[in-house]
């Protein structure tokens, strides 16, 4: 799986994991705006929301329920965050 994550996706995923640590949940829930702020603080710069959909297609995120805010906010669960070390390399 790590070979499938380009350097930008790895940074986005690390920001997801870092934000996920703020929740006491087996599969933390994130959305673009939360992760984008964390990503900017950690690495500088932003990323396009479609990059979270790419992480979903790769199986490290899963869509969580319906969207909110009139369909403008999409939530994702981090799949098996305890096994995420394999993606950090």
PDB file of N, CA and C in Angstrom:
ATOM      1  N   UNK A   1       0.818  -1.194   0.000  1.00  0.00           N
ATOM      2  CA  UNK A   1       0.000   0.000   0.000  1.00  0.00           C
ATOM      3  C   UNK A   1       0.861   1.257   0.000  1.00  0.00           C
ATOM      4  N   UNK A   2       1.960   1.263   0.737  1.00  0.00           N
ATOM      5  CA  UNK A   2       2.762   2.476   0.814  1.00  0.00           C
ATOM      6  C   UNK A   2       3.268   2.894  -0.549  1.00  0.00           C
ATOM      7  N   UNK A   3       3.544   1.934  -1.417  1.00  0.00           N
ATOM      8  CA  UNK A   3       4.019   2.285  -2.744  1.00  0.00           C
ATOM      9  C   UNK A   3       2.957   3.026  -3.539  1.00  0.00           C
ATOM     10  N   UNK A   4       1.682   2.858  -3.146  1.00  0.00           N
ATOM     11  CA  UNK A   4       0.595   3.507  -3.852  1.00  0.00           C
ATOM     12  C   UNK A   4       0.403   4.952  -3.395  1.00  0.00           C
ATOM     13  N   UNK A   5       0.990   5.326  -2.269  1.00  0.00           N
ATOM     14  CA  UNK A   5       0.830   6.681  -1.754  1.00  0.00           C
ATOM     15  C   UNK A   5       1.984   7.545  -2.232  1.00  0.00           C
ATOM     16  N   UNK A   6       1.673   8.534  -3.069  1.00  0.00           N
ATOM     17  CA  UNK A   6       2.713   9.464  -3.492  1.00  0.00           C
ATOM     18  C   UNK A   6       3.061  10.362  -2.302  1.00  0.00           C
ATOM     19  N   UNK A   7       4.156  11.120  -2.375  1.00  0.00           N
ATOM     20  CA  UNK A   7       4.580  11.928  -1.224  1.00  0.00           C
ATOM     21  C   UNK A   7       3.496  12.874  -0.699  1.00  0.00           C
ATOM     22  N   UNK A   8       2.710  13.482  -1.589  1.00  0.00           N
ATOM     23  CA  UNK A   8       1.651  14.373  -1.123  1.00  0.00           C
ATOM     24  C   UNK A   8       0.565  13.595  -0.384  1.00  0.00           C
ATOM     25  N   UNK A   9       0.170  12.438  -0.924  1.00  0.00           N
ATOM     26  CA  UNK A   9      -0.846  11.629  -0.247  1.00  0.00           C
ATOM     27  C   UNK A   9      -0.348  11.153   1.106  1.00  0.00           C
ATOM     28  N   UNK A  10       0.932  10.826   1.214  1.00  0.00           N
ATOM     29  CA  UNK A  10       1.479  10.407   2.505  1.00  0.00           C
ATOM     30  C   UNK A  10       1.357  11.532   3.525  1.00  0.00           C
ATOM     31  N   UNK A  11       1.677  12.765   3.104  1.00  0.00           N
ATOM     32  CA  UNK A  11       1.556  13.905   4.024  1.00  0.00           C
ATOM     33  C   UNK A  11       0.101  14.130   4.430  1.00  0.00           C
ATOM     34  N   UNK A  12      -0.812  14.005   3.479  1.00  0.00           N
ATOM     35  CA  UNK A  12      -2.236  14.173   3.793  1.00  0.00           C
ATOM     36  C   UNK A  12      -2.687  13.099   4.763  1.00  0.00           C
ATOM     37  N   UNK A  13      -2.253  11.871   4.520  1.00  0.00           N
ATOM     38  CA  UNK A  13      -2.628  10.774   5.406  1.00  0.00           C
ATOM     39  C   UNK A  13      -2.047  10.985   6.806  1.00  0.00           C
ATOM     40  N   UNK A  14      -0.822  11.462   6.885  1.00  0.00           N
ATOM     41  CA  UNK A  14      -0.237  11.751   8.199  1.00  0.00           C
ATOM     42  C   UNK A  14      -1.022  12.832   8.922  1.00  0.00           C
ATOM     43  N   UNK A  15      -1.494  13.837   8.192  1.00  0.00           N
ATOM     44  CA  UNK A  15      -2.322  14.876   8.804  1.00  0.00           C
ATOM     45  C   UNK A  15      -3.653  14.282   9.282  1.00  0.00           C
ATOM     46  N   UNK A  16      -4.220  13.350   8.514  1.00  0.00           N
ATOM     47  CA  UNK A  16      -5.441  12.657   8.942  1.00  0.00           C
ATOM     48  C   UNK A  16      -5.201  11.917  10.249  1.00  0.00           C
ATOM     49  N   UNK A  17      -4.107  11.163  10.293  1.00  0.00           N
ATOM     50  CA  UNK A  17      -3.789  10.399  11.502  1.00  0.00           C
ATOM     51  C   UNK A  17      -3.554  11.316  12.688  1.00  0.00           C
ATOM     52  N   UNK A  18      -2.851  12.425  12.458  1.00  0.00           N
ATOM     53  CA  UNK A  18      -2.572  13.348  13.547  1.00  0.00           C
ATOM     54  C   UNK A  18      -3.872  13.953  14.082  1.00  0.00           C
ATOM     55  N   UNK A  19      -4.770  14.345  13.182  1.00  0.00           N
ATOM     56  CA  UNK A  19      -6.058  14.865  13.635  1.00  0.00           C
ATOM     57  C   UNK A  19      -6.849  13.771  14.347  1.00  0.00           C
ATOM     58  N   UNK A  20      -6.789  12.555  13.821  1.00  0.00           N
ATOM     59  CA  UNK A  20      -7.524  11.440  14.413  1.00  0.00           C
ATOM     60  C   UNK A  20      -7.128  11.153  15.848  1.00  0.00           C
ATOM     61  N   UNK A  21      -5.900  11.496  16.213  1.00  0.00           N
ATOM     62  CA  UNK A  21      -5.438  11.288  17.590  1.00  0.00           C
ATOM     63  C   UNK A  21      -6.213  12.134  18.591  1.00  0.00           C
ATOM     64  N   UNK A  22      -6.906  13.176  18.119  1.00  0.00           N
ATOM     65  CA  UNK A  22      -7.673  14.034  19.021  1.00  0.00           C
ATOM     66  C   UNK A  22      -8.973  13.371  19.460  1.00  0.00           C
ATOM     67  N   UNK A  23      -9.307  12.248  18.835  1.00  0.00           N
ATOM     68  CA  UNK A  23     -10.550  11.543  19.146  1.00  0.00           C
ATOM     69  C   UNK A  23     -10.223  10.225  19.840  1.00  0.00           C
ATOM     70  N   UNK A  24     -11.028   9.875  20.785  1.00  0.00           N
ATOM     71  CA  UNK A  24     -10.872   8.592  21.454  1.00  0.00           C
ATOM     72  C   UNK A  24     -11.850   7.610  20.811  1.00  0.00           C
ATOM     73  N   UNK A  25     -11.496   7.187  19.598  1.00  0.00           N
ATOM     74  CA  UNK A  25     -12.382   6.307  18.832  1.00  0.00           C
ATOM     75  C   UNK A  25     -11.535   5.301  18.062  1.00  0.00           C
ATOM     76  N   UNK A  26     -12.050   4.077  17.887  1.00  0.00           N
ATOM     77  CA  UNK A  26     -11.282   3.074  17.142  1.00  0.00           C
ATOM     78  C   UNK A  26     -11.083   3.450  15.675  1.00  0.00           C
ATOM     79  N   UNK A  27     -12.046   4.159  15.108  1.00  0.00           N
ATOM     80  CA  UNK A  27     -11.934   4.645  13.727  1.00  0.00           C
ATOM     81  C   UNK A  27     -12.333   6.120  13.721  1.00  0.00           C
ATOM     82  N   UNK A  28     -11.354   7.004  13.961  1.00  0.00           N
ATOM     83  CA  UNK A  28     -11.662   8.434  14.033  1.00  0.00           C
ATOM     84  C   UNK A  28     -12.305   8.955  12.755  1.00  0.00           C
ATOM     85  N   UNK A  29     -13.134   9.982  12.902  1.00  0.00           N
ATOM     86  CA  UNK A  29     -13.832  10.601  11.777  1.00  0.00           C
ATOM     87  C   UNK A  29     -13.160  11.936  11.474  1.00  0.00           C
ATOM     88  N   UNK A  30     -12.961  12.193  10.192  1.00  0.00           N
ATOM     89  CA  UNK A  30     -12.323  13.442   9.747  1.00  0.00           C
ATOM     90  C   UNK A  30     -13.135  14.038   8.605  1.00  0.00           C
ATOM     91  N   UNK A  31     -12.880  15.293   8.315  1.00  0.00           N
ATOM     92  CA  UNK A  31     -13.416  15.919   7.108  1.00  0.00           C
ATOM     93  C   UNK A  31     -12.314  16.819   6.550  1.00  0.00           C
ATOM     94  N   UNK A  32     -12.506  17.273   5.326  1.00  0.00           N
ATOM     95  CA  UNK A  32     -11.466  18.038   4.645  1.00  0.00           C
ATOM     96  C   UNK A  32     -11.019  19.250   5.442  1.00  0.00           C
ATOM     97  N   UNK A  33     -11.949  20.066   5.919  1.00  0.00           N
ATOM     98  CA  UNK A  33     -11.550  21.318   6.568  1.00  0.00           C
ATOM     99  C   UNK A  33     -10.717  21.070   7.823  1.00  0.00           C
ATOM    100  N   UNK A  34     -11.028  20.020   8.569  1.00  0.00           N
ATOM    101  CA  UNK A  34     -10.253  19.712   9.775  1.00  0.00           C
ATOM    102  C   UNK A  34      -8.836  19.276   9.412  1.00  0.00           C
ATOM    103  N   UNK A  35      -8.755  18.386   8.427  1.00  0.00           N
ATOM    104  CA  UNK A  35      -7.448  17.863   8.021  1.00  0.00           C
ATOM    105  C   UNK A  35      -6.624  18.928   7.291  1.00  0.00           C
ATOM    106  N   UNK A  36      -7.295  19.773   6.506  1.00  0.00           N
ATOM    107  CA  UNK A  36      -6.572  20.814   5.768  1.00  0.00           C
ATOM    108  C   UNK A  36      -5.857  21.766   6.734  1.00  0.00           C
ATOM    109  N   UNK A  37      -6.520  22.126   7.833  1.00  0.00           N
ATOM    110  CA  UNK A  37      -5.866  22.993   8.834  1.00  0.00           C
ATOM    111  C   UNK A  37      -4.664  22.289   9.460  1.00  0.00           C
ATOM    112  N   UNK A  38      -4.829  21.001   9.766  1.00  0.00           N
ATOM    113  CA  UNK A  38      -3.737  20.242  10.369  1.00  0.00           C
ATOM    114  C   UNK A  38      -2.589  20.095   9.377  1.00  0.00           C
ATOM    115  N   UNK A  39      -2.905  19.824   8.120  1.00  0.00           N
ATOM    116  CA  UNK A  39      -1.906  19.675   7.066  1.00  0.00           C
ATOM    117  C   UNK A  39      -1.111  20.968   6.902  1.00  0.00           C
ATOM    118  N   UNK A  40      -1.804  22.093   6.893  1.00  0.00           N
ATOM    119  CA  UNK A  40      -1.124  23.372   6.733  1.00  0.00           C
ATOM    120  C   UNK A  40      -0.189  23.644   7.913  1.00  0.00           C
ATOM    121  N   UNK A  41      -0.625  23.311   9.123  1.00  0.00           N
ATOM    122  CA  UNK A  41       0.218  23.512  10.304  1.00  0.00           C
ATOM    123  C   UNK A  41       1.438  22.596  10.280  1.00  0.00           C
ATOM    124  N   UNK A  42       1.269  21.374   9.798  1.00  0.00           N
ATOM    125  CA  UNK A  42       2.354  20.398   9.808  1.00  0.00           C
ATOM    126  C   UNK A  42       3.328  20.584   8.646  1.00  0.00           C
ATOM    127  N   UNK A  43       2.789  20.871   7.457  1.00  0.00           N
ATOM    128  CA  UNK A  43       3.615  20.840   6.249  1.00  0.00           C
ATOM    129  C   UNK A  43       3.593  22.141   5.448  1.00  0.00           C
ATOM    130  N   UNK A  44       2.694  23.050   5.786  1.00  0.00           N
ATOM    131  CA  UNK A  44       2.519  24.251   4.973  1.00  0.00           C
ATOM    132  C   UNK A  44       1.739  23.890   3.727  1.00  0.00           C
ATOM    133  N   UNK A  45       1.045  24.831   3.179  1.00  0.00           N
ATOM    134  CA  UNK A  45       0.295  24.575   1.953  1.00  0.00           C
ATOM    135  C   UNK A  45      -1.006  23.825   2.193  1.00  0.00           C
ATOM    136  N   UNK A  46      -1.764  23.702   1.122  1.00  0.00           N
ATOM    137  CA  UNK A  46      -3.062  23.040   1.184  1.00  0.00           C
ATOM    138  C   UNK A  46      -3.106  21.913   0.156  1.00  0.00           C
ATOM    139  N   UNK A  47      -4.238  21.271   0.078  1.00  0.00           N
ATOM    140  CA  UNK A  47      -4.445  20.220  -0.919  1.00  0.00           C
ATOM    141  C   UNK A  47      -5.900  20.245  -1.345  1.00  0.00           C
ATOM    142  N   UNK A  48      -6.189  19.641  -2.466  1.00  0.00           N
ATOM    143  CA  UNK A  48      -7.554  19.605  -2.990  1.00  0.00           C
ATOM    144  C   UNK A  48      -8.360  18.520  -2.272  1.00  0.00           C
ATOM    145  N   UNK A  49      -9.644  18.775  -1.979  1.00  0.00           N
ATOM    146  CA  UNK A  49     -10.475  17.775  -1.299  1.00  0.00           C
ATOM    147  C   UNK A  49     -10.531  16.422  -2.006  1.00  0.00           C
ATOM    148  N   UNK A  50     -10.332  16.403  -3.311  1.00  0.00           N
ATOM    149  CA  UNK A  50     -10.389  15.134  -4.048  1.00  0.00           C
ATOM    150  C   UNK A  50      -9.291  14.169  -3.595  1.00  0.00           C
ATOM    151  N   UNK A  51      -8.249  14.696  -2.964  1.00  0.00           N
ATOM    152  CA  UNK A  51      -7.168  13.825  -2.482  1.00  0.00           C
ATOM    153  C   UNK A  51      -7.675  12.900  -1.361  1.00  0.00           C
ATOM    154  N   UNK A  52      -8.671  13.337  -0.597  1.00  0.00           N
ATOM    155  CA  UNK A  52      -9.261  12.451   0.413  1.00  0.00           C
ATOM    156  C   UNK A  52     -10.020  11.318  -0.266  1.00  0.00           C
ATOM    157  N   UNK A  53     -10.661  11.603  -1.397  1.00  0.00           N
ATOM    158  CA  UNK A  53     -11.344  10.536  -2.142  1.00  0.00           C
ATOM    159  C   UNK A  53     -10.331   9.526  -2.677  1.00  0.00           C
ATOM    160  N   UNK A  54      -9.138  10.000  -3.047  1.00  0.00           N
ATOM    161  CA  UNK A  54      -8.098   9.069  -3.493  1.00  0.00           C
ATOM    162  C   UNK A  54      -7.691   8.149  -2.345  1.00  0.00           C
ATOM    163  N   UNK A  55      -7.567   8.704  -1.142  1.00  0.00           N
ATOM    164  CA  UNK A  55      -7.237   7.866   0.016  1.00  0.00           C
ATOM    165  C   UNK A  55      -8.361   6.873   0.292  1.00  0.00           C
ATOM    166  N   UNK A  56      -9.596   7.277   0.045  1.00  0.00           N
ATOM    167  CA  UNK A  56     -10.724   6.355   0.194  1.00  0.00           C
ATOM    168  C   UNK A  56     -10.600   5.207  -0.808  1.00  0.00           C
ATOM    169  N   UNK A  57     -10.295   5.529  -2.056  1.00  0.00           N
ATOM    170  CA  UNK A  57     -10.147   4.477  -3.079  1.00  0.00           C
ATOM    171  C   UNK A  57      -9.008   3.520  -2.739  1.00  0.00           C
ATOM    172  N   UNK A  58      -7.981   4.020  -2.073  1.00  0.00           N
ATOM    173  CA  UNK A  58      -6.848   3.171  -1.682  1.00  0.00           C
ATOM    174  C   UNK A  58      -7.145   2.340  -0.434  1.00  0.00           C
ATOM    175  N   UNK A  59      -8.271   2.609   0.211  1.00  0.00           N
ATOM    176  CA  UNK A  59      -8.694   1.790   1.334  1.00  0.00           C
ATOM    177  C   UNK A  59      -8.203   2.238   2.704  1.00  0.00           C
ATOM    178  N   UNK A  60      -7.633   3.435   2.818  1.00  0.00           N
ATOM    179  CA  UNK A  60      -7.187   3.899   4.139  1.00  0.00           C
ATOM    180  C   UNK A  60      -8.230   4.795   4.801  1.00  0.00           C
ATOM    181  N   UNK A  61      -9.173   5.315   4.005  1.00  0.00           N
ATOM    182  CA  UNK A  61     -10.313   6.057   4.528  1.00  0.00           C
ATOM    183  C   UNK A  61     -11.578   5.401   4.007  1.00  0.00           C
ATOM    184  N   UNK A  62     -12.680   5.588   4.733  1.00  0.00           N
ATOM    185  CA  UNK A  62     -13.986   5.102   4.276  1.00  0.00           C
ATOM    186  C   UNK A  62     -15.005   6.209   4.508  1.00  0.00           C
ATOM    187  N   UNK A  63     -15.911   6.380   3.570  1.00  0.00           N
ATOM    188  CA  UNK A  63     -16.956   7.381   3.716  1.00  0.00           C
ATOM    189  C   UNK A  63     -17.748   7.077   4.981  1.00  0.00           C
ATOM    190  N   UNK A  64     -18.048   8.107   5.755  1.00  0.00           N
ATOM    191  CA  UNK A  64     -18.778   7.930   7.005  1.00  0.00           C
ATOM    192  C   UNK A  64     -20.123   8.630   6.912  1.00  0.00           C
ATOM    193  N   UNK A  65     -21.165   7.867   6.697  1.00  0.00           N
ATOM    194  CA  UNK A  65     -22.507   8.432   6.663  1.00  0.00           C
ATOM    195  C   UNK A  65     -22.727   9.368   5.487  1.00  0.00           C
ATOM    196  N   UNK A  66     -23.739  10.179   5.637  1.00  0.00           N
ATOM    197  CA  UNK A  66     -24.085  11.141   4.590  1.00  0.00           C
ATOM    198  C   UNK A  66     -23.284  12.423   4.765  1.00  0.00           C
ATOM    199  N   UNK A  67     -23.300  13.222   3.738  1.00  0.00           N
ATOM    200  CA  UNK A  67     -22.655  14.526   3.809  1.00  0.00           C
ATOM    201  C   UNK A  67     -23.533  15.456   4.637  1.00  0.00           C
ATOM    202  N   UNK A  68     -22.972  16.576   5.029  1.00  0.00           N
ATOM    203  CA  UNK A  68     -23.755  17.570   5.748  1.00  0.00           C
ATOM    204  C   UNK A  68     -23.480  18.932   5.136  1.00  0.00           C
ATOM    205  N   UNK A  69     -24.018  19.961   5.750  1.00  0.00           N
ATOM    206  CA  UNK A  69     -23.873  21.331   5.246  1.00  0.00           C
ATOM    207  C   UNK A  69     -24.324  21.417   3.791  1.00  0.00           C
ATOM    208  N   UNK A  70     -25.481  20.877   3.542  1.00  0.00           N
ATOM    209  CA  UNK A  70     -26.022  20.948   2.184  1.00  0.00           C
ATOM    210  C   UNK A  70     -25.228  20.143   1.174  1.00  0.00           C
ATOM    211  N   UNK A  71     -24.584  19.075   1.628  1.00  0.00           N
ATOM    212  CA  UNK A  71     -23.803  18.233   0.739  1.00  0.00           C
ATOM    213  C   UNK A  71     -22.404  18.744   0.487  1.00  0.00           C
ATOM    214  N   UNK A  72     -22.006  19.777   1.204  1.00  0.00           N
ATOM    215  CA  UNK A  72     -20.694  20.377   0.959  1.00  0.00           C
ATOM    216  C   UNK A  72     -19.606  19.831   1.876  1.00  0.00           C
ATOM    217  N   UNK A  73     -19.959  19.051   2.866  1.00  0.00           N
ATOM    218  CA  UNK A  73     -18.947  18.483   3.757  1.00  0.00           C
ATOM    219  C   UNK A  73     -19.094  16.968   3.748  1.00  0.00           C
ATOM    220  N   UNK A  74     -18.003  16.283   3.459  1.00  0.00           N
ATOM    221  CA  UNK A  74     -17.973  14.827   3.391  1.00  0.00           C
ATOM    222  C   UNK A  74     -17.104  14.325   4.538  1.00  0.00           C
ATOM    223  N   UNK A  75     -17.625  13.373   5.287  1.00  0.00           N
ATOM    224  CA  UNK A  75     -16.890  12.815   6.414  1.00  0.00           C
ATOM    225  C   UNK A  75     -16.313  11.453   6.043  1.00  0.00           C
ATOM    226  N   UNK A  76     -15.142  11.167   6.595  1.00  0.00           N
ATOM    227  CA  UNK A  76     -14.462   9.890   6.368  1.00  0.00           C
ATOM    228  C   UNK A  76     -14.012   9.309   7.702  1.00  0.00           C
ATOM    229  N   UNK A  77     -14.006   7.985   7.778  1.00  0.00           N
ATOM    230  CA  UNK A  77     -13.411   7.269   8.914  1.00  0.00           C
ATOM    231  C   UNK A  77     -12.013   6.832   8.514  1.00  0.00           C
ATOM    232  N   UNK A  78     -11.098   6.879   9.463  1.00  0.00           N
ATOM    233  CA  UNK A  78      -9.755   6.358   9.215  1.00  0.00           C
ATOM    234  C   UNK A  78      -9.809   4.862   9.507  1.00  0.00           C
ATOM    235  N   UNK A  79      -9.524   4.067   8.510  1.00  0.00           N
ATOM    236  CA  UNK A  79      -9.595   2.612   8.639  1.00  0.00           C
ATOM    237  C   UNK A  79      -8.345   2.112   9.362  1.00  0.00           C
ATOM    238  N   UNK A  80      -8.535   1.358  10.414  1.00  0.00           N
ATOM    239  CA  UNK A  80      -7.449   0.723  11.173  1.00  0.00           C
ATOM    240  C   UNK A  80      -6.288   1.687  11.445  1.00  0.00           C
ATOM    241  N   UNK A  81      -6.536   2.785  12.165  1.00  0.00           N
ATOM    242  CA  UNK A  81      -5.452   3.740  12.416  1.00  0.00           C
ATOM    243  C   UNK A  81      -4.279   3.126  13.179  1.00  0.00           C
ATOM    244  N   UNK A  82      -4.528   2.054  13.931  1.00  0.00           N
ATOM    245  CA  UNK A  82      -3.437   1.402  14.665  1.00  0.00           C
ATOM    246  C   UNK A  82      -2.470   0.685  13.738  1.00  0.00           C
ATOM    247  N   UNK A  83      -2.914   0.343  12.530  1.00  0.00           N
ATOM    248  CA  UNK A  83      -2.052  -0.317  11.551  1.00  0.00           C
ATOM    249  C   UNK A  83      -1.440   0.680  10.586  1.00  0.00           C
ATOM    250  N   UNK A  84      -1.597   1.946  10.851  1.00  0.00           N
ATOM    251  CA  UNK A  84      -1.164   2.979   9.912  1.00  0.00           C
ATOM    252  C   UNK A  84       0.345   3.109   9.800  1.00  0.00           C
ATOM    253  N   UNK A  85       1.096   2.528  10.709  1.00  0.00           N
ATOM    254  CA  UNK A  85       2.557   2.635  10.634  1.00  0.00           C
ATOM    255  C   UNK A  85       3.081   2.158   9.303  1.00  0.00           C
ATOM    256  N   UNK A  86       2.436   1.186   8.689  1.00  0.00           N
ATOM    257  CA  UNK A  86       2.907   0.677   7.405  1.00  0.00           C
ATOM    258  C   UNK A  86       2.781   1.737   6.310  1.00  0.00           C
ATOM    259  N   UNK A  87       1.908   2.732   6.490  1.00  0.00           N
ATOM    260  CA  UNK A  87       1.732   3.775   5.495  1.00  0.00           C
ATOM    261  C   UNK A  87       2.630   4.972   5.729  1.00  0.00           C
ATOM    262  N   UNK A  88       3.258   5.042   6.882  1.00  0.00           N
ATOM    263  CA  UNK A  88       4.091   6.200   7.212  1.00  0.00           C
ATOM    264  C   UNK A  88       5.451   6.137   6.557  1.00  0.00           C
ATOM    265  N   UNK A  89       5.873   4.966   6.153  1.00  0.00           N
ATOM    266  CA  UNK A  89       7.214   4.805   5.568  1.00  0.00           C
ATOM    267  C   UNK A  89       7.336   5.450   4.227  1.00  0.00           C
TER     268      UNK A  89
END
